C-alpha atoms as a PDB file:
ATOM      1  CA  MET A   1      87.874  10.583 135.340  1.00  0.00           C
ATOM      2  CA  ARG A   2      90.599   8.072 134.501  1.00  0.00           C
ATOM      3  CA  GLN A   3      88.110   5.443 133.399  1.00  0.00           C
ATOM      4  CA  ASN A   4      86.144   8.014 131.377  1.00  0.00           C
ATOM      5  CA  ILE A   5      89.301   8.962 129.508  1.00  0.00           C
ATOM      6  CA  LEU A   6      90.287   5.369 128.869  1.00  0.00           C
ATOM      7  CA  SER A   7      86.790   4.621 127.577  1.00  0.00           C
ATOM      8  CA  GLY A   8      86.743   7.699 125.343  1.00  0.00           C
ATOM      9  CA  ALA A   9      84.006   9.537 127.270  1.00  0.00           C
ATOM     10  CA  ASP A  10      83.562  13.299 126.879  1.00  0.00           C
ATOM     11  CA  ILE A  11      85.517  15.345 129.455  1.00  0.00           C
ATOM     12  CA  SER A  12      84.997  18.719 127.763  1.00  0.00           C
ATOM     13  CA  GLY A  13      83.744  20.241 131.018  1.00  0.00           C
ATOM     14  CA  LEU A  14      87.205  19.961 132.575  1.00  0.00           C
ATOM     15  CA  ARG A  15      88.996  23.316 132.992  1.00  0.00           C
ATOM     16  CA  ILE A  16      92.667  23.165 131.954  1.00  0.00           C
ATOM     17  CA  TYR A  17      95.011  26.163 132.079  1.00  0.00           C
ATOM     18  CA  ASP A  18      98.648  25.802 130.955  1.00  0.00           C
ATOM     19  CA  ALA A  19     100.641  28.080 133.284  1.00  0.00           C
ATOM     20  CA  HIS A  20     104.072  27.800 131.614  1.00  0.00           C
ATOM     21  CA  ALA A  21     104.406  27.853 127.841  1.00  0.00           C
ATOM     22  CA  HIS A  22     106.326  29.652 125.093  1.00  0.00           C
ATOM     23  CA  ILE A  23     105.393  31.354 121.861  1.00  0.00           C
ATOM     24  CA  GLY A  24     107.343  32.451 118.823  1.00  0.00           C
ATOM     25  CA  ASP A  25     105.401  31.801 115.619  1.00  0.00           C
ATOM     26  CA  GLY A  26     108.248  32.143 113.146  1.00  0.00           C
ATOM     27  CA  ASP A  27     111.006  33.899 115.072  1.00  0.00           C
ATOM     28  CA  TYR A  28     112.814  30.761 116.126  1.00  0.00           C
ATOM     29  CA  SER A  29     114.480  27.872 114.365  1.00  0.00           C
ATOM     30  CA  SER A  30     112.644  24.565 114.521  1.00  0.00           C
ATOM     31  CA  ALA A  31     116.015  22.984 115.345  1.00  0.00           C
ATOM     32  CA  ILE A  32     115.787  24.614 118.792  1.00  0.00           C
ATOM     33  CA  PHE A  33     112.432  23.074 119.586  1.00  0.00           C
ATOM     34  CA  LEU A  34     111.600  19.487 120.333  1.00  0.00           C
ATOM     35  CA  TYR A  35     107.997  20.100 119.291  1.00  0.00           C
ATOM     36  CA  SER A  36     107.321  22.935 116.854  1.00  0.00           C
ATOM     37  CA  LEU A  37     104.035  23.966 115.240  1.00  0.00           C
ATOM     38  CA  PRO A  38     102.821  27.231 113.690  1.00  0.00           C
ATOM     39  CA  LEU A  39     100.677  29.284 116.057  1.00  0.00           C
ATOM     40  CA  ASN A  40      97.359  28.329 114.458  1.00  0.00           C
ATOM     41  CA  ARG A  41      98.264  24.651 114.757  1.00  0.00           C
ATOM     42  CA  VAL A  42      99.245  25.131 118.398  1.00  0.00           C
ATOM     43  CA  PHE A  43      95.749  26.469 119.071  1.00  0.00           C
ATOM     44  CA  GLU A  44      94.115  23.611 117.153  1.00  0.00           C
ATOM     45  CA  HIS A  45      96.103  21.109 119.172  1.00  0.00           C
ATOM     46  CA  MET A  46      95.216  22.792 122.475  1.00  0.00           C
ATOM     47  CA  ARG A  47      91.517  22.688 121.647  1.00  0.00           C
ATOM     48  CA  ALA A  48      91.745  19.059 120.556  1.00  0.00           C
ATOM     49  CA  ILE A  49      93.189  17.942 123.907  1.00  0.00           C
ATOM     50  CA  GLY A  50      91.140  20.293 126.090  1.00  0.00           C
ATOM     51  CA  ILE A  51      93.637  22.992 127.128  1.00  0.00           C
ATOM     52  CA  GLY A  52      91.536  26.140 127.406  1.00  0.00           C
ATOM     53  CA  LYS A  53      94.296  28.737 127.584  1.00  0.00           C
ATOM     54  CA  MET A  54      98.032  29.132 128.138  1.00  0.00           C
ATOM     55  CA  ALA A  55     100.318  31.723 129.716  1.00  0.00           C
ATOM     56  CA  VAL A  56     103.287  32.369 127.447  1.00  0.00           C
ATOM     57  CA  SER A  57     106.628  34.106 127.413  1.00  0.00           C
ATOM     58  CA  GLY A  58     108.136  35.107 124.091  1.00  0.00           C
ATOM     59  CA  PHE A  59     111.144  33.214 122.824  1.00  0.00           C
ATOM     60  CA  SER A  60     112.455  36.340 121.121  1.00  0.00           C
ATOM     61  CA  ALA A  61     112.214  38.268 124.413  1.00  0.00           C
ATOM     62  CA  ILE A  62     114.350  35.667 126.188  1.00  0.00           C
ATOM     63  CA  ALA A  63     116.853  35.019 123.409  1.00  0.00           C
ATOM     64  CA  PHE A  64     117.177  38.337 121.583  1.00  0.00           C
ATOM     65  CA  ASP A  65     115.549  41.561 122.800  1.00  0.00           C
ATOM     66  CA  ALA A  66     113.319  41.801 125.873  1.00  0.00           C
ATOM     67  CA  LYS A  67     111.542  45.039 124.993  1.00  0.00           C
ATOM     68  CA  THR A  68     110.649  44.092 121.411  1.00  0.00           C
ATOM     69  CA  GLY A  69     109.825  40.511 122.358  1.00  0.00           C
ATOM     70  CA  ASN A  70     107.603  41.536 125.254  1.00  0.00           C
ATOM     71  CA  GLU A  71     105.670  43.987 123.101  1.00  0.00           C
ATOM     72  CA  ARG A  72     105.169  41.267 120.508  1.00  0.00           C
ATOM     73  CA  VAL A  73     103.803  38.872 123.126  1.00  0.00           C
ATOM     74  CA  MET A  74     101.303  41.489 124.288  1.00  0.00           C
ATOM     75  CA  ARG A  75     100.151  42.017 120.690  1.00  0.00           C
ATOM     76  CA  LEU A  76      99.685  38.281 120.216  1.00  0.00           C
ATOM     77  CA  CYS A  77      97.626  38.150 123.417  1.00  0.00           C
ATOM     78  CA  GLU A  78      95.496  41.028 122.179  1.00  0.00           C
ATOM     79  CA  THR A  79      94.936  39.205 118.877  1.00  0.00           C
ATOM     80  CA  HIS A  80      94.128  35.894 120.618  1.00  0.00           C
ATOM     81  CA  PRO A  81      92.578  36.871 123.988  1.00  0.00           C
ATOM     82  CA  ASP A  82      90.682  33.602 124.263  1.00  0.00           C
ATOM     83  CA  MET A  83      93.878  31.511 124.003  1.00  0.00           C
ATOM     84  CA  LEU A  84      96.815  33.500 125.415  1.00  0.00           C
ATOM     85  CA  ASP A  85      97.922  35.372 128.522  1.00  0.00           C
ATOM     86  CA  ALA A  86     101.395  36.889 128.874  1.00  0.00           C
ATOM     87  CA  TYR A  87     104.492  36.571 130.990  1.00  0.00           C
ATOM     88  CA  LEU A  88     106.803  39.516 130.389  1.00  0.00           C
ATOM     89  CA  PHE A  89     110.503  38.701 130.412  1.00  0.00           C
ATOM     90  CA  PHE A  90     112.783  40.573 132.823  1.00  0.00           C
ATOM     91  CA  ASP A  91     116.278  41.165 131.433  1.00  0.00           C
ATOM     92  CA  ALA A  92     118.655  41.282 134.417  1.00  0.00           C
ATOM     93  CA  HIS A  93     121.104  43.376 132.376  1.00  0.00           C
ATOM     94  CA  LYS A  94     118.472  46.001 131.522  1.00  0.00           C
ATOM     95  CA  PRO A  95     116.477  46.243 134.761  1.00  0.00           C
ATOM     96  CA  GLU A  96     115.185  49.803 134.319  1.00  0.00           C
ATOM     97  CA  SER A  97     113.894  49.198 130.794  1.00  0.00           C
ATOM     98  CA  SER A  98     112.378  45.852 131.768  1.00  0.00           C
ATOM     99  CA  LEU A  99     110.584  47.276 134.794  1.00  0.00           C
ATOM    100  CA  ARG A 100     109.182  50.151 132.735  1.00  0.00           C
ATOM    101  CA  THR A 101     107.616  47.664 130.327  1.00  0.00           C
ATOM    102  CA  ILE A 102     106.297  45.489 133.150  1.00  0.00           C
ATOM    103  CA  GLU A 103     104.825  48.491 134.956  1.00  0.00           C
ATOM    104  CA  GLN A 104     103.192  49.616 131.709  1.00  0.00           C
ATOM    105  CA  TYR A 105     101.322  46.336 131.360  1.00  0.00           C
ATOM    106  CA  CYS A 106     101.015  45.002 134.926  1.00  0.00           C
ATOM    107  CA  ARG A 107      97.358  46.036 135.245  1.00  0.00           C
ATOM    108  CA  ASP A 108      96.451  44.684 131.809  1.00  0.00           C
ATOM    109  CA  ALA A 109      94.028  41.735 131.928  1.00  0.00           C
ATOM    110  CA  ARG A 110      96.364  39.808 129.604  1.00  0.00           C
ATOM    111  CA  PHE A 111      99.300  40.079 132.021  1.00  0.00           C
ATOM    112  CA  ILE A 112      99.971  37.007 134.181  1.00  0.00           C
ATOM    113  CA  GLY A 113     103.402  37.676 135.654  1.00  0.00           C
ATOM    114  CA  VAL A 114     107.122  37.973 134.988  1.00  0.00           C
ATOM    115  CA  LYS A 115     109.373  35.296 133.511  1.00  0.00           C
ATOM    116  CA  ILE A 116     113.066  35.049 134.356  1.00  0.00           C
ATOM    117  CA  HIS A 117     115.598  32.644 132.860  1.00  0.00           C
ATOM    118  CA  PRO A 118     118.873  33.119 134.760  1.00  0.00           C
ATOM    119  CA  ARG A 119     120.947  30.684 132.660  1.00  0.00           C
ATOM    120  CA  ASP A 120     119.999  32.229 129.322  1.00  0.00           C
ATOM    121  CA  ASN A 121     120.289  35.719 130.830  1.00  0.00           C
ATOM    122  CA  ARG A 122     123.727  34.849 132.261  1.00  0.00           C
ATOM    123  CA  ALA A 123     122.838  36.135 135.716  1.00  0.00           C
ATOM    124  CA  SER A 124     122.400  34.100 138.895  1.00  0.00           C
ATOM    125  CA  LEU A 125     118.911  34.231 140.370  1.00  0.00           C
ATOM    126  CA  ALA A 126     120.482  35.047 143.765  1.00  0.00           C
ATOM    127  CA  GLY A 127     123.372  37.263 142.715  1.00  0.00           C
ATOM    128  CA  GLY A 128     121.655  40.617 143.106  1.00  0.00           C
ATOM    129  CA  ALA A 129     120.843  41.163 139.422  1.00  0.00           C
ATOM    130  CA  TYR A 130     117.189  40.325 140.088  1.00  0.00           C
ATOM    131  CA  ASP A 131     116.735  42.262 143.331  1.00  0.00           C
ATOM    132  CA  ALA A 132     115.028  45.185 141.570  1.00  0.00           C
ATOM    133  CA  LEU A 133     112.476  42.749 140.149  1.00  0.00           C
ATOM    134  CA  TYR A 134     111.935  40.955 143.464  1.00  0.00           C
ATOM    135  CA  ASP A 135     111.318  44.303 145.179  1.00  0.00           C
ATOM    136  CA  PHE A 136     108.877  45.357 142.462  1.00  0.00           C
ATOM    137  CA  ALA A 137     107.083  41.990 142.384  1.00  0.00           C
ATOM    138  CA  VAL A 138     106.509  41.970 146.148  1.00  0.00           C
ATOM    139  CA  GLN A 139     105.333  45.579 146.124  1.00  0.00           C
ATOM    140  CA  LYS A 140     102.892  44.985 143.241  1.00  0.00           C
ATOM    141  CA  ASP A 141     101.935  41.411 144.241  1.00  0.00           C
ATOM    142  CA  ILE A 142     103.099  40.042 140.881  1.00  0.00           C
ATOM    143  CA  PRO A 143     104.009  36.345 140.381  1.00  0.00           C
ATOM    144  CA  VAL A 144     107.482  35.474 139.094  1.00  0.00           C
ATOM    145  CA  LEU A 145     108.034  32.318 137.033  1.00  0.00           C
ATOM    146  CA  CYS A 146     111.670  31.255 137.172  1.00  0.00           C
ATOM    147  CA  HIS A 147     113.303  28.570 135.054  1.00  0.00           C
ATOM    148  CA  THR A 148     115.026  26.337 137.617  1.00  0.00           C
ATOM    149  CA  TRP A 149     117.475  23.499 137.085  1.00  0.00           C
ATOM    150  CA  GLN A 150     119.603  22.109 139.893  1.00  0.00           C
ATOM    151  CA  SER A 151     122.608  21.245 137.692  1.00  0.00           C
ATOM    152  CA  GLU A 152     122.820  24.775 136.231  1.00  0.00           C
ATOM    153  CA  PRO A 153     124.692  27.141 138.612  1.00  0.00           C
ATOM    154  CA  GLU A 154     122.550  30.187 137.774  1.00  0.00           C
ATOM    155  CA  ASN A 155     119.247  28.296 138.127  1.00  0.00           C
ATOM    156  CA  ASP A 156     119.661  25.987 141.116  1.00  0.00           C
ATOM    157  CA  PRO A 157     116.432  26.320 143.154  1.00  0.00           C
ATOM    158  CA  ALA A 158     118.491  26.000 146.352  1.00  0.00           C
ATOM    159  CA  LEU A 159     119.642  29.572 145.682  1.00  0.00           C
ATOM    160  CA  PHE A 160     116.109  30.694 146.495  1.00  0.00           C
ATOM    161  CA  TRP A 161     116.621  29.907 150.193  1.00  0.00           C
ATOM    162  CA  ASN A 162     118.682  33.098 150.483  1.00  0.00           C
ATOM    163  CA  VAL A 163     116.380  35.089 148.196  1.00  0.00           C
ATOM    164  CA  LEU A 164     113.254  34.121 150.111  1.00  0.00           C
ATOM    165  CA  ARG A 165     114.796  34.979 153.462  1.00  0.00           C
ATOM    166  CA  ARG A 166     114.971  38.534 152.116  1.00  0.00           C
ATOM    167  CA  TYR A 167     111.690  38.408 150.169  1.00  0.00           C
ATOM    168  CA  PRO A 168     109.454  35.962 152.091  1.00  0.00           C
ATOM    169  CA  LYS A 169     106.266  37.288 150.469  1.00  0.00           C
ATOM    170  CA  LEU A 170     107.518  36.811 146.893  1.00  0.00           C
ATOM    171  CA  LYS A 171     105.009  34.905 144.740  1.00  0.00           C
ATOM    172  CA  LEU A 172     107.230  32.365 143.025  1.00  0.00           C
ATOM    173  CA  LEU A 173     106.508  29.596 140.529  1.00  0.00           C
ATOM    174  CA  LEU A 174     109.452  27.195 140.265  1.00  0.00           C
ATOM    175  CA  GLY A 175     109.663  26.259 136.591  1.00  0.00           C
ATOM    176  CA  HIS A 176     110.401  22.551 136.054  1.00  0.00           C
ATOM    177  CA  MET A 177     110.652  22.026 139.843  1.00  0.00           C
ATOM    178  CA  GLY A 178     114.432  22.168 139.631  1.00  0.00           C
ATOM    179  CA  GLY A 179     114.660  19.677 136.759  1.00  0.00           C
ATOM    180  CA  THR A 180     116.680  16.922 138.434  1.00  0.00           C
ATOM    181  CA  TYR A 181     115.606  14.578 141.230  1.00  0.00           C
ATOM    182  CA  GLU A 182     117.595  16.602 143.794  1.00  0.00           C
ATOM    183  CA  GLY A 183     116.262  19.851 142.353  1.00  0.00           C
ATOM    184  CA  CYS A 184     112.716  18.567 142.678  1.00  0.00           C
ATOM    185  CA  LEU A 185     113.213  17.699 146.361  1.00  0.00           C
ATOM    186  CA  THR A 186     114.606  21.200 146.975  1.00  0.00           C
ATOM    187  CA  SER A 187     111.634  22.764 145.187  1.00  0.00           C
ATOM    188  CA  LEU A 188     109.194  20.762 147.289  1.00  0.00           C
ATOM    189  CA  ALA A 189     110.980  21.879 150.460  1.00  0.00           C
ATOM    190  CA  LEU A 190     110.765  25.538 149.366  1.00  0.00           C
ATOM    191  CA  ALA A 191     107.048  25.127 148.635  1.00  0.00           C
ATOM    192  CA  ARG A 192     106.451  23.651 152.082  1.00  0.00           C
ATOM    193  CA  ALA A 193     108.444  26.398 153.788  1.00  0.00           C
ATOM    194  CA  TYR A 194     106.997  29.467 152.028  1.00  0.00           C
ATOM    195  CA  GLU A 195     103.316  30.246 151.584  1.00  0.00           C
ATOM    196  CA  ASN A 196     103.694  31.831 148.128  1.00  0.00           C
ATOM    197  CA  VAL A 197     106.048  29.291 146.509  1.00  0.00           C
ATOM    198  CA  TYR A 198     104.546  26.865 143.975  1.00  0.00           C
ATOM    199  CA  CYS A 199     105.827  24.011 141.821  1.00  0.00           C
ATOM    200  CA  ASP A 200     105.424  23.808 138.052  1.00  0.00           C
ATOM    201  CA  ILE A 201     104.632  20.151 137.350  1.00  0.00           C
ATOM    202  CA  ASN A 202     106.147  19.806 133.882  1.00  0.00           C
ATOM    203  CA  GLY A 203     109.353  19.246 135.857  1.00  0.00           C
ATOM    204  CA  SER A 204     108.031  15.864 136.962  1.00  0.00           C
ATOM    205  CA  ILE A 205     108.892  14.596 133.478  1.00  0.00           C
ATOM    206  CA  TYR A 206     112.571  15.215 134.141  1.00  0.00           C
ATOM    207  CA  SER A 207     112.836  14.261 137.811  1.00  0.00           C
ATOM    208  CA  LYS A 208     110.819  11.101 137.100  1.00  0.00           C
ATOM    209  CA  ILE A 209     108.804  11.341 140.306  1.00  0.00           C
ATOM    210  CA  TRP A 210     105.185  10.215 139.984  1.00  0.00           C
ATOM    211  CA  LEU A 211     102.498  12.802 140.741  1.00  0.00           C
ATOM    212  CA  GLU A 212     101.035  10.505 143.363  1.00  0.00           C
ATOM    213  CA  GLU A 213     104.373  10.665 145.208  1.00  0.00           C
ATOM    214  CA  LEU A 214     104.740  14.436 144.773  1.00  0.00           C
ATOM    215  CA  VAL A 215     101.425  15.178 146.503  1.00  0.00           C
ATOM    216  CA  LYS A 216     102.582  13.159 149.517  1.00  0.00           C
ATOM    217  CA  ARG A 217     105.553  15.532 149.880  1.00  0.00           C
ATOM    218  CA  ALA A 218     103.692  18.851 149.580  1.00  0.00           C
ATOM    219  CA  PRO A 219     100.026  19.945 149.633  1.00  0.00           C
ATOM    220  CA  ILE A 220      98.129  19.492 146.340  1.00  0.00           C
ATOM    221  CA  GLU A 221      97.482  23.267 146.338  1.00  0.00           C
ATOM    222  CA  LYS A 222     101.210  23.843 145.750  1.00  0.00           C
ATOM    223  CA  PHE A 223     101.236  22.230 142.292  1.00  0.00           C
ATOM    224  CA  ILE A 224     100.515  24.108 139.055  1.00  0.00           C
ATOM    225  CA  PHE A 225      99.770  22.497 135.698  1.00  0.00           C
ATOM    226  CA  SER A 226     102.114  23.421 132.855  1.00  0.00           C
ATOM    227  CA  THR A 227     103.437  21.824 129.687  1.00  0.00           C
ATOM    228  CA  ASP A 228     106.438  23.922 128.574  1.00  0.00           C
ATOM    229  CA  GLN A 229     105.012  23.859 125.071  1.00  0.00           C
ATOM    230  CA  VAL A 230     106.209  24.456 122.414  1.00  0.00           C
ATOM    231  CA  PHE A 231     109.392  22.801 123.671  1.00  0.00           C
ATOM    232  CA  ASN A 232     107.351  19.764 124.742  1.00  0.00           C
ATOM    233  CA  ASP A 233     104.320  18.006 123.327  1.00  0.00           C
ATOM    234  CA  PRO A 234     101.566  19.005 125.817  1.00  0.00           C
ATOM    235  CA  ARG A 235      99.895  15.610 125.566  1.00  0.00           C
ATOM    236  CA  ILE A 236     102.711  14.065 127.610  1.00  0.00           C
ATOM    237  CA  ILE A 237     102.218  15.991 130.846  1.00  0.00           C
ATOM    238  CA  LEU A 238      98.438  16.271 130.418  1.00  0.00           C
ATOM    239  CA  GLY A 239      98.195  12.504 130.094  1.00  0.00           C
ATOM    240  CA  ARG A 240     100.391  12.167 133.159  1.00  0.00           C
ATOM    241  CA  VAL A 241      97.778  14.101 135.143  1.00  0.00           C
ATOM    242  CA  LEU A 242      94.572  12.713 133.666  1.00  0.00           C
ATOM    243  CA  LEU A 243      95.664   9.076 133.909  1.00  0.00           C
ATOM    244  CA  SER A 244      97.204   9.408 137.356  1.00  0.00           C
ATOM    245  CA  GLY A 245      95.776   7.970 140.557  1.00  0.00           C
ATOM    246  CA  LEU A 246      94.927  11.429 141.913  1.00  0.00           C
ATOM    247  CA  THR A 247      91.289  12.058 142.788  1.00  0.00           C
ATOM    248  CA  ASP A 248      89.107  14.043 140.388  1.00  0.00           C
ATOM    249  CA  THR A 249      89.090  16.920 142.893  1.00  0.00           C
ATOM    250  CA  GLN A 250      92.884  16.911 143.064  1.00  0.00           C
ATOM    251  CA  LYS A 251      93.150  16.847 139.278  1.00  0.00           C
ATOM    252  CA  GLN A 252      90.891  19.869 138.841  1.00  0.00           C
ATOM    253  CA  LYS A 253      92.840  21.789 141.490  1.00  0.00           C
ATOM    254  CA  LEU A 254      96.077  20.990 139.733  1.00  0.00           C
ATOM    255  CA  LEU A 255      94.824  21.680 136.195  1.00  0.00           C
ATOM    256  CA  CYS A 256      93.385  25.132 136.879  1.00  0.00           C
ATOM    257  CA  GLU A 257      92.140  26.010 140.351  1.00  0.00           C
ATOM    258  CA  ASN A 258      95.536  26.251 142.048  1.00  0.00           C
ATOM    259  CA  PHE A 259      96.816  28.780 139.528  1.00  0.00           C
ATOM    260  CA  GLU A 260      93.601  30.760 139.815  1.00  0.00           C
ATOM    261  CA  ALA A 261      94.130  30.850 143.587  1.00  0.00           C
ATOM    262  CA  LEU A 262      97.693  32.102 143.075  1.00  0.00           C
ATOM    263  CA  MET A 263      96.450  34.798 140.679  1.00  0.00           C
ATOM    264  CA  GLY A 264      93.417  35.693 142.796  1.00  0.00           C
ATOM    265  CA  ARG A 265      91.045  35.643 139.815  1.00  0.00           C
ATOM    266  CA  LYS A 266      89.257  33.385 137.353  1.00  0.00           C
ATOM    267  CA  LEU A 267      91.313  32.509 134.295  1.00  0.00           C
ATOM    268  CA  LEU A 268      88.888  30.270 132.376  1.00  0.00           C
END
């Protein structure tokens, strides 16, 4: 695969699913984003580089109003079913309202899971504010994507040791793999220790650990492809995978099959 890419050969048969992305299309300032395109251009860019679909949380849901933002994300997914699936944001300060919305949509084909962002929500991931969600997610077998960053007190992945002792069956995707080098090592340890814990590989940009090294520290099945677009240019992390020394089988697992296994269904 690496040589085919370097030589410009067609790799259109490769299945690529972006499991951690964001959408806004006009309700955010471009100053917030490192990489900002209108929604139609985002789709054009995805098609150009081979990303078949992405799972998104709404920026407005995280930053402004969870209920309104979540409903908007679901409408966008309905309008663009071939390109978008949805994470619904759980507001730790409005747990009842958030859970009602999640329960309303949790059997919808567009629904992928729940997104939490403890730093932006000003609530520690282990402080009890998320217990209602963890209970619900385990009961309904729903994945939770959590923004993690070791240097941020609310988001340190090490806090999940205590959470997972209480909720060992929680399906958890560690966004950014803890961000820092230390956070990445903690995330890998959590993934090795718990069957349903997975690592979101866009974090390898920040921890600066090569993919070839990561897969020596945890099984390949524990890694999920994601780009964090539209904060990041998706070409960066996609190139990191395609041009790596991983085998073609490992690359396809990472780019789509591992997330499909987590979800228990075909996504592309």
